Amino acid sequence: MRRALPLLVLLALGACQSSEPPRSVAQTQEPRGVSITPPGFRLPLGTGCAGDIARFRAIMKNDIETGHTTKAVFDQIEGEMQKADALCASGNAGGASALVRATRARFGYPAG
């Protein structure tokens, strides 16, 4: 009986083998255009509100170029960044940086 058990297990496992060749998984196609950030992409350096605005604009420029956002969203965010520019230029650095943070959060961009 003990000798028959391994043979029974082997026969059961053999029955599980399929004679069909494995199916290939369809490869997903990349969207047209560039879909990844170019290797040379660097966020602008800088401090204060001007640096905050420049970095978020660089992220948005990359996202529109790679197709990760729409022109309508890009234009909305650029409108907010123009307001942030005006606040920054008028000396309200805190207000400008807060507007950048709020815009990032509203459109789903992590704080950065």
PDB file of N, CA and C in Angstrom:
ATOM      1  N   MET A   1       0.822  -1.195   0.000  1.00  0.00           N
ATOM      2  CA  MET A   1       0.000   0.000   0.000  1.00  0.00           C
ATOM      3  C   MET A   1       0.864   1.256   0.000  1.00  0.00           C
ATOM      4  N   ARG A   2       1.943   1.241   0.811  1.00  0.00           N
ATOM      5  CA  ARG A   2       2.789   2.428   0.879  1.00  0.00           C
ATOM      6  C   ARG A   2       3.496   2.672  -0.448  1.00  0.00           C
ATOM      7  N   ARG A   3       3.815   1.602  -1.166  1.00  0.00           N
ATOM      8  CA  ARG A   3       4.463   1.757  -2.468  1.00  0.00           C
ATOM      9  C   ARG A   3       3.468   2.261  -3.517  1.00  0.00           C
ATOM     10  N   ALA A   4       2.245   1.962  -3.363  1.00  0.00           N
ATOM     11  CA  ALA A   4       1.227   2.362  -4.333  1.00  0.00           C
ATOM     12  C   ALA A   4       0.887   3.845  -4.216  1.00  0.00           C
ATOM     13  N   LEU A   5       1.035   4.423  -3.035  1.00  0.00           N
ATOM     14  CA  LEU A   5       0.683   5.831  -2.824  1.00  0.00           C
ATOM     15  C   LEU A   5       1.519   6.773  -3.691  1.00  0.00           C
ATOM     16  N   PRO A   6       2.873   6.653  -3.722  1.00  0.00           N
ATOM     17  CA  PRO A   6       3.642   7.544  -4.598  1.00  0.00           C
ATOM     18  C   PRO A   6       3.265   7.371  -6.062  1.00  0.00           C
ATOM     19  N   LEU A   7       3.003   6.143  -6.479  1.00  0.00           N
ATOM     20  CA  LEU A   7       2.611   5.905  -7.862  1.00  0.00           C
ATOM     21  C   LEU A   7       1.270   6.568  -8.156  1.00  0.00           C
ATOM     22  N   LEU A   8       0.363   6.495  -7.228  1.00  0.00           N
ATOM     23  CA  LEU A   8      -0.945   7.119  -7.383  1.00  0.00           C
ATOM     24  C   LEU A   8      -0.817   8.644  -7.481  1.00  0.00           C
ATOM     25  N   VAL A   9       0.069   9.223  -6.662  1.00  0.00           N
ATOM     26  CA  VAL A   9       0.306  10.676  -6.692  1.00  0.00           C
ATOM     27  C   VAL A   9       0.896  11.078  -8.039  1.00  0.00           C
ATOM     28  N   LEU A  10       1.869  10.321  -8.540  1.00  0.00           N
ATOM     29  CA  LEU A  10       2.475  10.630  -9.838  1.00  0.00           C
ATOM     30  C   LEU A  10       1.451  10.549 -10.961  1.00  0.00           C
ATOM     31  N   LEU A  11       0.607   9.556 -10.929  1.00  0.00           N
ATOM     32  CA  LEU A  11      -0.426   9.435 -11.954  1.00  0.00           C
ATOM     33  C   LEU A  11      -1.412  10.603 -11.884  1.00  0.00           C
ATOM     34  N   ALA A  12      -1.764  10.996 -10.685  1.00  0.00           N
ATOM     35  CA  ALA A  12      -2.689  12.124 -10.520  1.00  0.00           C
ATOM     36  C   ALA A  12      -2.064  13.413 -11.036  1.00  0.00           C
ATOM     37  N   LEU A  13      -0.789  13.631 -10.737  1.00  0.00           N
ATOM     38  CA  LEU A  13      -0.110  14.837 -11.222  1.00  0.00           C
ATOM     39  C   LEU A  13       0.057  14.798 -12.729  1.00  0.00           C
ATOM     40  N   GLY A  14       0.323  13.631 -13.266  1.00  0.00           N
ATOM     41  CA  GLY A  14       0.458  13.494 -14.712  1.00  0.00           C
ATOM     42  C   GLY A  14      -0.833  13.839 -15.430  1.00  0.00           C
ATOM     43  N   ALA A  15      -1.944  13.549 -14.826  1.00  0.00           N
ATOM     44  CA  ALA A  15      -3.239  13.861 -15.424  1.00  0.00           C
ATOM     45  C   ALA A  15      -3.485  15.363 -15.467  1.00  0.00           C
ATOM     46  N   CYS A  16      -2.785  16.107 -14.632  1.00  0.00           N
ATOM     47  CA  CYS A  16      -2.958  17.562 -14.600  1.00  0.00           C
ATOM     48  C   CYS A  16      -2.224  18.250 -15.743  1.00  0.00           C
ATOM     49  N   GLN A  17      -1.302  17.572 -16.385  1.00  0.00           N
ATOM     50  CA  GLN A  17      -0.525  18.179 -17.457  1.00  0.00           C
ATOM     51  C   GLN A  17      -1.406  18.406 -18.675  1.00  0.00           C
ATOM     52  N   SER A  18      -1.264  19.538 -19.271  1.00  0.00           N
ATOM     53  CA  SER A  18      -2.047  19.889 -20.442  1.00  0.00           C
ATOM     54  C   SER A  18      -1.217  19.643 -21.690  1.00  0.00           C
ATOM     55  N   SER A  19      -1.855  19.205 -22.751  1.00  0.00           N
ATOM     56  CA  SER A  19      -1.135  18.989 -24.001  1.00  0.00           C
ATOM     57  C   SER A  19      -1.136  20.245 -24.855  1.00  0.00           C
ATOM     58  N   GLU A  20      -1.900  21.254 -24.460  1.00  0.00           N
ATOM     59  CA  GLU A  20      -1.944  22.510 -25.206  1.00  0.00           C
ATOM     60  C   GLU A  20      -0.675  23.311 -24.961  1.00  0.00           C
ATOM     61  N   PRO A  21      -0.183  23.988 -26.004  1.00  0.00           N
ATOM     62  CA  PRO A  21       0.964  24.872 -25.774  1.00  0.00           C
ATOM     63  C   PRO A  21       0.515  26.067 -24.935  1.00  0.00           C
ATOM     64  N   PRO A  22       1.411  26.640 -24.157  1.00  0.00           N
ATOM     65  CA  PRO A  22       1.018  27.789 -23.329  1.00  0.00           C
ATOM     66  C   PRO A  22       0.594  28.963 -24.201  1.00  0.00           C
ATOM     67  N   ARG A  23      -0.420  29.640 -23.748  1.00  0.00           N
ATOM     68  CA  ARG A  23      -0.899  30.816 -24.471  1.00  0.00           C
ATOM     69  C   ARG A  23       0.019  31.989 -24.184  1.00  0.00           C
ATOM     70  N   SER A  24       0.279  32.761 -25.213  1.00  0.00           N
ATOM     71  CA  SER A  24       1.101  33.948 -24.985  1.00  0.00           C
ATOM     72  C   SER A  24       0.192  35.074 -24.511  1.00  0.00           C
ATOM     73  N   VAL A  25       0.699  35.846 -23.603  1.00  0.00           N
ATOM     74  CA  VAL A  25      -0.054  36.972 -23.071  1.00  0.00           C
ATOM     75  C   VAL A  25       0.108  38.133 -24.036  1.00  0.00           C
ATOM     76  N   ALA A  26      -0.991  38.723 -24.414  1.00  0.00           N
ATOM     77  CA  ALA A  26      -0.930  39.854 -25.336  1.00  0.00           C
ATOM     78  C   ALA A  26      -0.170  41.000 -24.690  1.00  0.00           C
ATOM     79  N   GLN A  27       0.748  41.536 -25.440  1.00  0.00           N
ATOM     80  CA  GLN A  27       1.535  42.649 -24.922  1.00  0.00           C
ATOM     81  C   GLN A  27       0.729  43.927 -25.071  1.00  0.00           C
ATOM     82  N   THR A  28       0.763  44.749 -24.041  1.00  0.00           N
ATOM     83  CA  THR A  28       0.066  46.025 -24.115  1.00  0.00           C
ATOM     84  C   THR A  28       0.909  46.983 -24.931  1.00  0.00           C
ATOM     85  N   GLN A  29       0.243  47.730 -25.762  1.00  0.00           N
ATOM     86  CA  GLN A  29       0.960  48.677 -26.595  1.00  0.00           C
ATOM     87  C   GLN A  29       1.149  49.985 -25.851  1.00  0.00           C
ATOM     88  N   GLU A  30       2.302  50.572 -26.072  1.00  0.00           N
ATOM     89  CA  GLU A  30       2.577  51.888 -25.507  1.00  0.00           C
ATOM     90  C   GLU A  30       1.719  52.913 -26.236  1.00  0.00           C
ATOM     91  N   PRO A  31       1.229  53.914 -25.526  1.00  0.00           N
ATOM     92  CA  PRO A  31       0.515  54.980 -26.220  1.00  0.00           C
ATOM     93  C   PRO A  31       1.470  55.698 -27.160  1.00  0.00           C
ATOM     94  N   ARG A  32       0.908  56.335 -28.141  1.00  0.00           N
ATOM     95  CA  ARG A  32       1.753  57.065 -29.085  1.00  0.00           C
ATOM     96  C   ARG A  32       2.473  58.197 -28.385  1.00  0.00           C
ATOM     97  N   GLY A  33       3.629  58.502 -28.901  1.00  0.00           N
ATOM     98  CA  GLY A  33       4.427  59.569 -28.314  1.00  0.00           C
ATOM     99  C   GLY A  33       5.284  59.043 -27.179  1.00  0.00           C
ATOM    100  N   VAL A  34       5.923  59.931 -26.521  1.00  0.00           N
ATOM    101  CA  VAL A  34       6.795  59.574 -25.411  1.00  0.00           C
ATOM    102  C   VAL A  34       5.932  59.301 -24.192  1.00  0.00           C
ATOM    103  N   SER A  35       6.200  58.210 -23.501  1.00  0.00           N
ATOM    104  CA  SER A  35       5.374  57.906 -22.338  1.00  0.00           C
ATOM    105  C   SER A  35       6.171  57.885 -21.047  1.00  0.00           C
ATOM    106  N   ILE A  36       7.451  58.134 -21.142  1.00  0.00           N
ATOM    107  CA  ILE A  36       8.269  58.172 -19.934  1.00  0.00           C
ATOM    108  C   ILE A  36       9.053  59.468 -19.896  1.00  0.00           C
ATOM    109  N   THR A  37       9.469  59.831 -18.726  1.00  0.00           N
ATOM    110  CA  THR A  37      10.265  61.038 -18.557  1.00  0.00           C
ATOM    111  C   THR A  37      11.624  60.828 -19.205  1.00  0.00           C
ATOM    112  N   PRO A  38      12.090  61.786 -19.996  1.00  0.00           N
ATOM    113  CA  PRO A  38      13.398  61.631 -20.634  1.00  0.00           C
ATOM    114  C   PRO A  38      14.514  61.504 -19.599  1.00  0.00           C
ATOM    115  N   PRO A  39      15.572  60.778 -19.928  1.00  0.00           N
ATOM    116  CA  PRO A  39      16.651  60.547 -18.964  1.00  0.00           C
ATOM    117  C   PRO A  39      17.306  61.828 -18.438  1.00  0.00           C
ATOM    118  N   GLY A  40      17.348  62.877 -19.221  1.00  0.00           N
ATOM    119  CA  GLY A  40      18.010  64.104 -18.797  1.00  0.00           C
ATOM    120  C   GLY A  40      17.140  65.050 -17.990  1.00  0.00           C
ATOM    121  N   PHE A  41      15.910  64.645 -17.679  1.00  0.00           N
ATOM    122  CA  PHE A  41      14.993  65.536 -16.965  1.00  0.00           C
ATOM    123  C   PHE A  41      15.511  65.831 -15.566  1.00  0.00           C
ATOM    124  N   ARG A  42      15.570  67.095 -15.225  1.00  0.00           N
ATOM    125  CA  ARG A  42      15.972  67.530 -13.886  1.00  0.00           C
ATOM    126  C   ARG A  42      15.009  68.622 -13.433  1.00  0.00           C
ATOM    127  N   LEU A  43      14.614  68.540 -12.185  1.00  0.00           N
ATOM    128  CA  LEU A  43      13.782  69.603 -11.629  1.00  0.00           C
ATOM    129  C   LEU A  43      14.645  70.830 -11.401  1.00  0.00           C
ATOM    130  N   PRO A  44      14.089  72.005 -11.653  1.00  0.00           N
ATOM    131  CA  PRO A  44      14.854  73.225 -11.416  1.00  0.00           C
ATOM    132  C   PRO A  44      15.220  73.371  -9.942  1.00  0.00           C
ATOM    133  N   LEU A  45      16.371  73.933  -9.717  1.00  0.00           N
ATOM    134  CA  LEU A  45      16.778  74.259  -8.353  1.00  0.00           C
ATOM    135  C   LEU A  45      16.190  75.615  -8.020  1.00  0.00           C
ATOM    136  N   GLY A  46      16.303  76.020  -6.836  1.00  0.00           N
ATOM    137  CA  GLY A  46      15.779  77.317  -6.436  1.00  0.00           C
ATOM    138  C   GLY A  46      15.088  77.191  -5.102  1.00  0.00           C
ATOM    139  N   THR A  47      14.939  78.316  -4.478  1.00  0.00           N
ATOM    140  CA  THR A  47      14.332  78.319  -3.153  1.00  0.00           C
ATOM    141  C   THR A  47      13.097  79.198  -3.160  1.00  0.00           C
ATOM    142  N   GLY A  48      12.359  79.112  -2.104  1.00  0.00           N
ATOM    143  CA  GLY A  48      11.203  79.978  -1.918  1.00  0.00           C
ATOM    144  C   GLY A  48      10.111  79.719  -2.930  1.00  0.00           C
ATOM    145  N   CYS A  49       9.257  80.710  -3.068  1.00  0.00           N
ATOM    146  CA  CYS A  49       8.096  80.552  -3.938  1.00  0.00           C
ATOM    147  C   CYS A  49       8.490  80.412  -5.405  1.00  0.00           C
ATOM    148  N   ALA A  50       9.536  81.110  -5.836  1.00  0.00           N
ATOM    149  CA  ALA A  50       9.965  81.001  -7.234  1.00  0.00           C
ATOM    150  C   ALA A  50      10.413  79.577  -7.550  1.00  0.00           C
ATOM    151  N   GLY A  51      11.127  78.952  -6.633  1.00  0.00           N
ATOM    152  CA  GLY A  51      11.551  77.566  -6.823  1.00  0.00           C
ATOM    153  C   GLY A  51      10.374  76.608  -6.824  1.00  0.00           C
ATOM    154  N   ASP A  52       9.419  76.829  -5.929  1.00  0.00           N
ATOM    155  CA  ASP A  52       8.218  75.980  -5.878  1.00  0.00           C
ATOM    156  C   ASP A  52       7.456  76.031  -7.202  1.00  0.00           C
ATOM    157  N   ILE A  53       7.289  77.237  -7.712  1.00  0.00           N
ATOM    158  CA  ILE A  53       6.552  77.429  -8.967  1.00  0.00           C
ATOM    159  C   ILE A  53       7.315  76.799 -10.126  1.00  0.00           C
ATOM    160  N   ALA A  54       8.610  77.038 -10.206  1.00  0.00           N
ATOM    161  CA  ALA A  54       9.422  76.498 -11.305  1.00  0.00           C
ATOM    162  C   ALA A  54       9.414  74.973 -11.311  1.00  0.00           C
ATOM    163  N   ARG A  55       9.519  74.365 -10.144  1.00  0.00           N
ATOM    164  CA  ARG A  55       9.519  72.895 -10.081  1.00  0.00           C
ATOM    165  C   ARG A  55       8.176  72.311 -10.522  1.00  0.00           C
ATOM    166  N   PHE A  56       7.076  72.909 -10.057  1.00  0.00           N
ATOM    167  CA  PHE A  56       5.774  72.369 -10.445  1.00  0.00           C
ATOM    168  C   PHE A  56       5.518  72.592 -11.932  1.00  0.00           C
ATOM    169  N   ARG A  57       5.956  73.723 -12.458  1.00  0.00           N
ATOM    170  CA  ARG A  57       5.814  73.953 -13.905  1.00  0.00           C
ATOM    171  C   ARG A  57       6.624  72.931 -14.702  1.00  0.00           C
ATOM    172  N   ALA A  58       7.805  72.582 -14.226  1.00  0.00           N
ATOM    173  CA  ALA A  58       8.623  71.581 -14.925  1.00  0.00           C
ATOM    174  C   ALA A  58       7.928  70.222 -14.916  1.00  0.00           C
ATOM    175  N   ILE A  59       7.325  69.873 -13.794  1.00  0.00           N
ATOM    176  CA  ILE A  59       6.583  68.606 -13.709  1.00  0.00           C
ATOM    177  C   ILE A  59       5.412  68.626 -14.687  1.00  0.00           C
ATOM    178  N   MET A  60       4.685  69.729 -14.722  1.00  0.00           N
ATOM    179  CA  MET A  60       3.535  69.826 -15.617  1.00  0.00           C
ATOM    180  C   MET A  60       3.958  69.812 -17.081  1.00  0.00           C
ATOM    181  N   LYS A  61       5.057  70.476 -17.399  1.00  0.00           N
ATOM    182  CA  LYS A  61       5.569  70.469 -18.777  1.00  0.00           C
ATOM    183  C   LYS A  61       5.912  69.045 -19.182  1.00  0.00           C
ATOM    184  N   ASN A  62       6.560  68.309 -18.299  1.00  0.00           N
ATOM    185  CA  ASN A  62       6.890  66.916 -18.578  1.00  0.00           C
ATOM    186  C   ASN A  62       5.618  66.086 -18.747  1.00  0.00           C
ATOM    187  N   ASP A  63       4.627  66.308 -17.901  1.00  0.00           N
ATOM    188  CA  ASP A  63       3.393  65.524 -17.976  1.00  0.00           C
ATOM    189  C   ASP A  63       2.621  65.792 -19.262  1.00  0.00           C
ATOM    190  N   ILE A  64       2.598  67.026 -19.727  1.00  0.00           N
ATOM    191  CA  ILE A  64       1.886  67.309 -20.977  1.00  0.00           C
ATOM    192  C   ILE A  64       2.661  66.736 -22.158  1.00  0.00           C
ATOM    193  N   GLU A  65       3.991  66.786 -22.108  1.00  0.00           N
ATOM    194  CA  GLU A  65       4.811  66.251 -23.201  1.00  0.00           C
ATOM    195  C   GLU A  65       4.756  64.732 -23.277  1.00  0.00           C
ATOM    196  N   THR A  66       4.578  64.065 -22.160  1.00  0.00           N
ATOM    197  CA  THR A  66       4.535  62.601 -22.153  1.00  0.00           C
ATOM    198  C   THR A  66       3.113  62.058 -22.228  1.00  0.00           C
ATOM    199  N   GLY A  67       2.127  62.932 -22.294  1.00  0.00           N
ATOM    200  CA  GLY A  67       0.745  62.485 -22.414  1.00  0.00           C
ATOM    201  C   GLY A  67       0.115  62.044 -21.110  1.00  0.00           C
ATOM    202  N   HIS A  68       0.689  62.452 -19.990  1.00  0.00           N
ATOM    203  CA  HIS A  68       0.157  62.041 -18.688  1.00  0.00           C
ATOM    204  C   HIS A  68      -0.892  63.006 -18.159  1.00  0.00           C
ATOM    205  N   THR A  69      -1.160  64.066 -18.897  1.00  0.00           N
ATOM    206  CA  THR A  69      -2.235  64.984 -18.536  1.00  0.00           C
ATOM    207  C   THR A  69      -2.823  65.553 -19.814  1.00  0.00           C
ATOM    208  N   THR A  70      -3.957  66.186 -19.694  1.00  0.00           N
ATOM    209  CA  THR A  70      -4.608  66.779 -20.859  1.00  0.00           C
ATOM    210  C   THR A  70      -4.270  68.261 -20.943  1.00  0.00           C
ATOM    211  N   LYS A  71      -4.503  68.832 -22.118  1.00  0.00           N
ATOM    212  CA  LYS A  71      -4.250  70.260 -22.316  1.00  0.00           C
ATOM    213  C   LYS A  71      -5.166  71.088 -21.413  1.00  0.00           C
ATOM    214  N   ALA A  72      -6.386  70.637 -21.223  1.00  0.00           N
ATOM    215  CA  ALA A  72      -7.324  71.381 -20.370  1.00  0.00           C
ATOM    216  C   ALA A  72      -6.825  71.444 -18.929  1.00  0.00           C
ATOM    217  N   VAL A  73      -6.345  70.323 -18.403  1.00  0.00           N
ATOM    218  CA  VAL A  73      -5.816  70.308 -17.033  1.00  0.00           C
ATOM    219  C   VAL A  73      -4.548  71.148 -16.961  1.00  0.00           C
ATOM    220  N   PHE A  74      -3.687  71.002 -17.955  1.00  0.00           N
ATOM    221  CA  PHE A  74      -2.453  71.785 -18.003  1.00  0.00           C
ATOM    222  C   PHE A  74      -2.782  73.280 -17.966  1.00  0.00           C
ATOM    223  N   ASP A  75      -3.756  73.708 -18.763  1.00  0.00           N
ATOM    224  CA  ASP A  75      -4.131  75.126 -18.808  1.00  0.00           C
ATOM    225  C   ASP A  75      -4.702  75.603 -17.470  1.00  0.00           C
ATOM    226  N   GLN A  76      -5.501  74.767 -16.814  1.00  0.00           N
ATOM    227  CA  GLN A  76      -6.032  75.140 -15.493  1.00  0.00           C
ATOM    228  C   GLN A  76      -4.892  75.347 -14.500  1.00  0.00           C
ATOM    229  N   ILE A  77      -3.963  74.421 -14.497  1.00  0.00           N
ATOM    230  CA  ILE A  77      -2.847  74.515 -13.557  1.00  0.00           C
ATOM    231  C   ILE A  77      -1.970  75.714 -13.890  1.00  0.00           C
ATOM    232  N   GLU A  78      -1.757  75.974 -15.169  1.00  0.00           N
ATOM    233  CA  GLU A  78      -0.942  77.130 -15.552  1.00  0.00           C
ATOM    234  C   GLU A  78      -1.611  78.424 -15.095  1.00  0.00           C
ATOM    235  N   GLY A  79      -2.936  78.487 -15.158  1.00  0.00           N
ATOM    236  CA  GLY A  79      -3.650  79.657 -14.641  1.00  0.00           C
ATOM    237  C   GLY A  79      -3.388  79.862 -13.156  1.00  0.00           C
ATOM    238  N   GLU A  80      -3.381  78.768 -12.404  1.00  0.00           N
ATOM    239  CA  GLU A  80      -3.068  78.846 -10.973  1.00  0.00           C
ATOM    240  C   GLU A  80      -1.616  79.289 -10.759  1.00  0.00           C
ATOM    241  N   MET A  81      -0.713  78.805 -11.601  1.00  0.00           N
ATOM    242  CA  MET A  81       0.703  79.171 -11.447  1.00  0.00           C
ATOM    243  C   MET A  81       0.932  80.639 -11.790  1.00  0.00           C
ATOM    244  N   GLN A  82       0.134  81.188 -12.704  1.00  0.00           N
ATOM    245  CA  GLN A  82       0.238  82.620 -12.992  1.00  0.00           C
ATOM    246  C   GLN A  82      -0.189  83.442 -11.775  1.00  0.00           C
ATOM    247  N   LYS A  83      -1.214  82.976 -11.074  1.00  0.00           N
ATOM    248  CA  LYS A  83      -1.623  83.649  -9.831  1.00  0.00           C
ATOM    249  C   LYS A  83      -0.518  83.533  -8.781  1.00  0.00           C
ATOM    250  N   ALA A  84       0.097  82.352  -8.704  1.00  0.00           N
ATOM    251  CA  ALA A  84       1.196  82.153  -7.753  1.00  0.00           C
ATOM    252  C   ALA A  84       2.375  83.052  -8.106  1.00  0.00           C
ATOM    253  N   ASP A  85       2.653  83.216  -9.405  1.00  0.00           N
ATOM    254  CA  ASP A  85       3.712  84.133  -9.852  1.00  0.00           C
ATOM    255  C   ASP A  85       3.452  85.549  -9.351  1.00  0.00           C
ATOM    256  N   ALA A  86       2.205  85.997  -9.494  1.00  0.00           N
ATOM    257  CA  ALA A  86       1.851  87.357  -9.074  1.00  0.00           C
ATOM    258  C   ALA A  86       2.018  87.516  -7.563  1.00  0.00           C
ATOM    259  N   LEU A  87       1.582  86.517  -6.796  1.00  0.00           N
ATOM    260  CA  LEU A  87       1.754  86.579  -5.341  1.00  0.00           C
ATOM    261  C   LEU A  87       3.232  86.618  -4.970  1.00  0.00           C
ATOM    262  N   CYS A  88       4.020  85.792  -5.623  1.00  0.00           N
ATOM    263  CA  CYS A  88       5.454  85.724  -5.336  1.00  0.00           C
ATOM    264  C   CYS A  88       6.130  87.062  -5.662  1.00  0.00           C
ATOM    265  N   ALA A  89       5.783  87.624  -6.821  1.00  0.00           N
ATOM    266  CA  ALA A  89       6.383  88.886  -7.247  1.00  0.00           C
ATOM    267  C   ALA A  89       5.994  90.042  -6.328  1.00  0.00           C
ATOM    268  N   SER A  90       4.812  89.954  -5.716  1.00  0.00           N
ATOM    269  CA  SER A  90       4.363  91.035  -4.835  1.00  0.00           C
ATOM    270  C   SER A  90       4.922  90.898  -3.421  1.00  0.00           C
ATOM    271  N   GLY A  91       5.709  89.845  -3.187  1.00  0.00           N
ATOM    272  CA  GLY A  91       6.316  89.665  -1.872  1.00  0.00           C
ATOM    273  C   GLY A  91       5.557  88.721  -0.960  1.00  0.00           C
ATOM    274  N   ASN A  92       4.487  88.136  -1.446  1.00  0.00           N
ATOM    275  CA  ASN A  92       3.700  87.205  -0.639  1.00  0.00           C
ATOM    276  C   ASN A  92       4.169  85.772  -0.927  1.00  0.00           C
ATOM    277  N   ALA A  93       5.386  85.466  -0.488  1.00  0.00           N
ATOM    278  CA  ALA A  93       5.981  84.155  -0.757  1.00  0.00           C
ATOM    279  C   ALA A  93       5.167  83.029  -0.131  1.00  0.00           C
ATOM    280  N   GLY A  94       4.686  83.253   1.082  1.00  0.00           N
ATOM    281  CA  GLY A  94       3.896  82.227   1.762  1.00  0.00           C
ATOM    282  C   GLY A  94       2.609  81.915   1.021  1.00  0.00           C
ATOM    283  N   GLY A  95       1.948  82.958   0.553  1.00  0.00           N
ATOM    284  CA  GLY A  95       0.709  82.767  -0.198  1.00  0.00           C
ATOM    285  C   GLY A  95       0.951  82.054  -1.516  1.00  0.00           C
ATOM    286  N   ALA A  96       2.053  82.410  -2.185  1.00  0.00           N
ATOM    287  CA  ALA A  96       2.384  81.768  -3.460  1.00  0.00           C
ATOM    288  C   ALA A  96       2.690  80.290  -3.264  1.00  0.00           C
ATOM    289  N   SER A  97       3.505  79.974  -2.274  1.00  0.00           N
ATOM    290  CA  SER A  97       3.849  78.569  -2.012  1.00  0.00           C
ATOM    291  C   SER A  97       2.626  77.777  -1.573  1.00  0.00           C
ATOM    292  N   ALA A  98       1.746  78.415  -0.796  1.00  0.00           N
ATOM    293  CA  ALA A  98       0.513  77.743  -0.371  1.00  0.00           C
ATOM    294  C   ALA A  98      -0.384  77.448  -1.575  1.00  0.00           C
ATOM    295  N   LEU A  99      -0.432  78.379  -2.524  1.00  0.00           N
ATOM    296  CA  LEU A  99      -1.234  78.168  -3.728  1.00  0.00           C
ATOM    297  C   LEU A  99      -0.670  77.009  -4.555  1.00  0.00           C
ATOM    298  N   VAL A 100       0.652  76.921  -4.642  1.00  0.00           N
ATOM    299  CA  VAL A 100       1.273  75.798  -5.361  1.00  0.00           C
ATOM    300  C   VAL A 100       0.906  74.482  -4.676  1.00  0.00           C
ATOM    301  N   ARG A 101       1.028  74.439  -3.352  1.00  0.00           N
ATOM    302  CA  ARG A 101       0.693  73.209  -2.613  1.00  0.00           C
ATOM    303  C   ARG A 101      -0.777  72.835  -2.797  1.00  0.00           C
ATOM    304  N   ALA A 102      -1.655  73.827  -2.727  1.00  0.00           N
ATOM    305  CA  ALA A 102      -3.089  73.563  -2.883  1.00  0.00           C
ATOM    306  C   ALA A 102      -3.409  73.065  -4.294  1.00  0.00           C
ATOM    307  N   THR A 103      -2.767  73.648  -5.288  1.00  0.00           N
ATOM    308  CA  THR A 103      -2.990  73.227  -6.673  1.00  0.00           C
ATOM    309  C   THR A 103      -2.501  71.804  -6.883  1.00  0.00           C
ATOM    310  N   ARG A 104      -1.322  71.514  -6.359  1.00  0.00           N
ATOM    311  CA  ARG A 104      -0.790  70.146  -6.475  1.00  0.00           C
ATOM    312  C   ARG A 104      -1.761  69.148  -5.851  1.00  0.00           C
ATOM    313  N   ALA A 105      -2.249  69.457  -4.664  1.00  0.00           N
ATOM    314  CA  ALA A 105      -3.162  68.550  -3.964  1.00  0.00           C
ATOM    315  C   ALA A 105      -4.480  68.396  -4.722  1.00  0.00           C
ATOM    316  N   ARG A 106      -5.007  69.498  -5.230  1.00  0.00           N
ATOM    317  CA  ARG A 106      -6.292  69.464  -5.931  1.00  0.00           C
ATOM    318  C   ARG A 106      -6.226  68.598  -7.191  1.00  0.00           C
ATOM    319  N   PHE A 107      -5.063  68.586  -7.848  1.00  0.00           N
ATOM    320  CA  PHE A 107      -4.921  67.822  -9.083  1.00  0.00           C
ATOM    321  C   PHE A 107      -4.223  66.480  -8.876  1.00  0.00           C
ATOM    322  N   GLY A 108      -4.019  66.094  -7.621  1.00  0.00           N
ATOM    323  CA  GLY A 108      -3.501  64.761  -7.334  1.00  0.00           C
ATOM    324  C   GLY A 108      -2.000  64.598  -7.399  1.00  0.00           C
ATOM    325  N   TYR A 109      -1.258  65.684  -7.313  1.00  0.00           N
ATOM    326  CA  TYR A 109       0.200  65.605  -7.301  1.00  0.00           C
ATOM    327  C   TYR A 109       0.679  65.587  -5.857  1.00  0.00           C
ATOM    328  N   PRO A 110       1.550  64.657  -5.519  1.00  0.00           N
ATOM    329  CA  PRO A 110       2.033  64.602  -4.132  1.00  0.00           C
ATOM    330  C   PRO A 110       2.844  65.841  -3.782  1.00  0.00           C
ATOM    331  N   ALA A 111       2.884  66.151  -2.511  1.00  0.00           N
ATOM    332  CA  ALA A 111       3.672  67.303  -2.050  1.00  0.00           C
ATOM    333  C   ALA A 111       5.123  67.079  -2.422  1.00  0.00           C
ATOM    334  N   GLY A 112       5.775  68.144  -2.759  1.00  0.00           N
ATOM    335  CA  GLY A 112       7.171  67.964  -3.153  1.00  0.00           C
ATOM    336  C   GLY A 112       7.985  69.165  -3.039  1.00  0.00           C
TER     337      GLY A 112
END
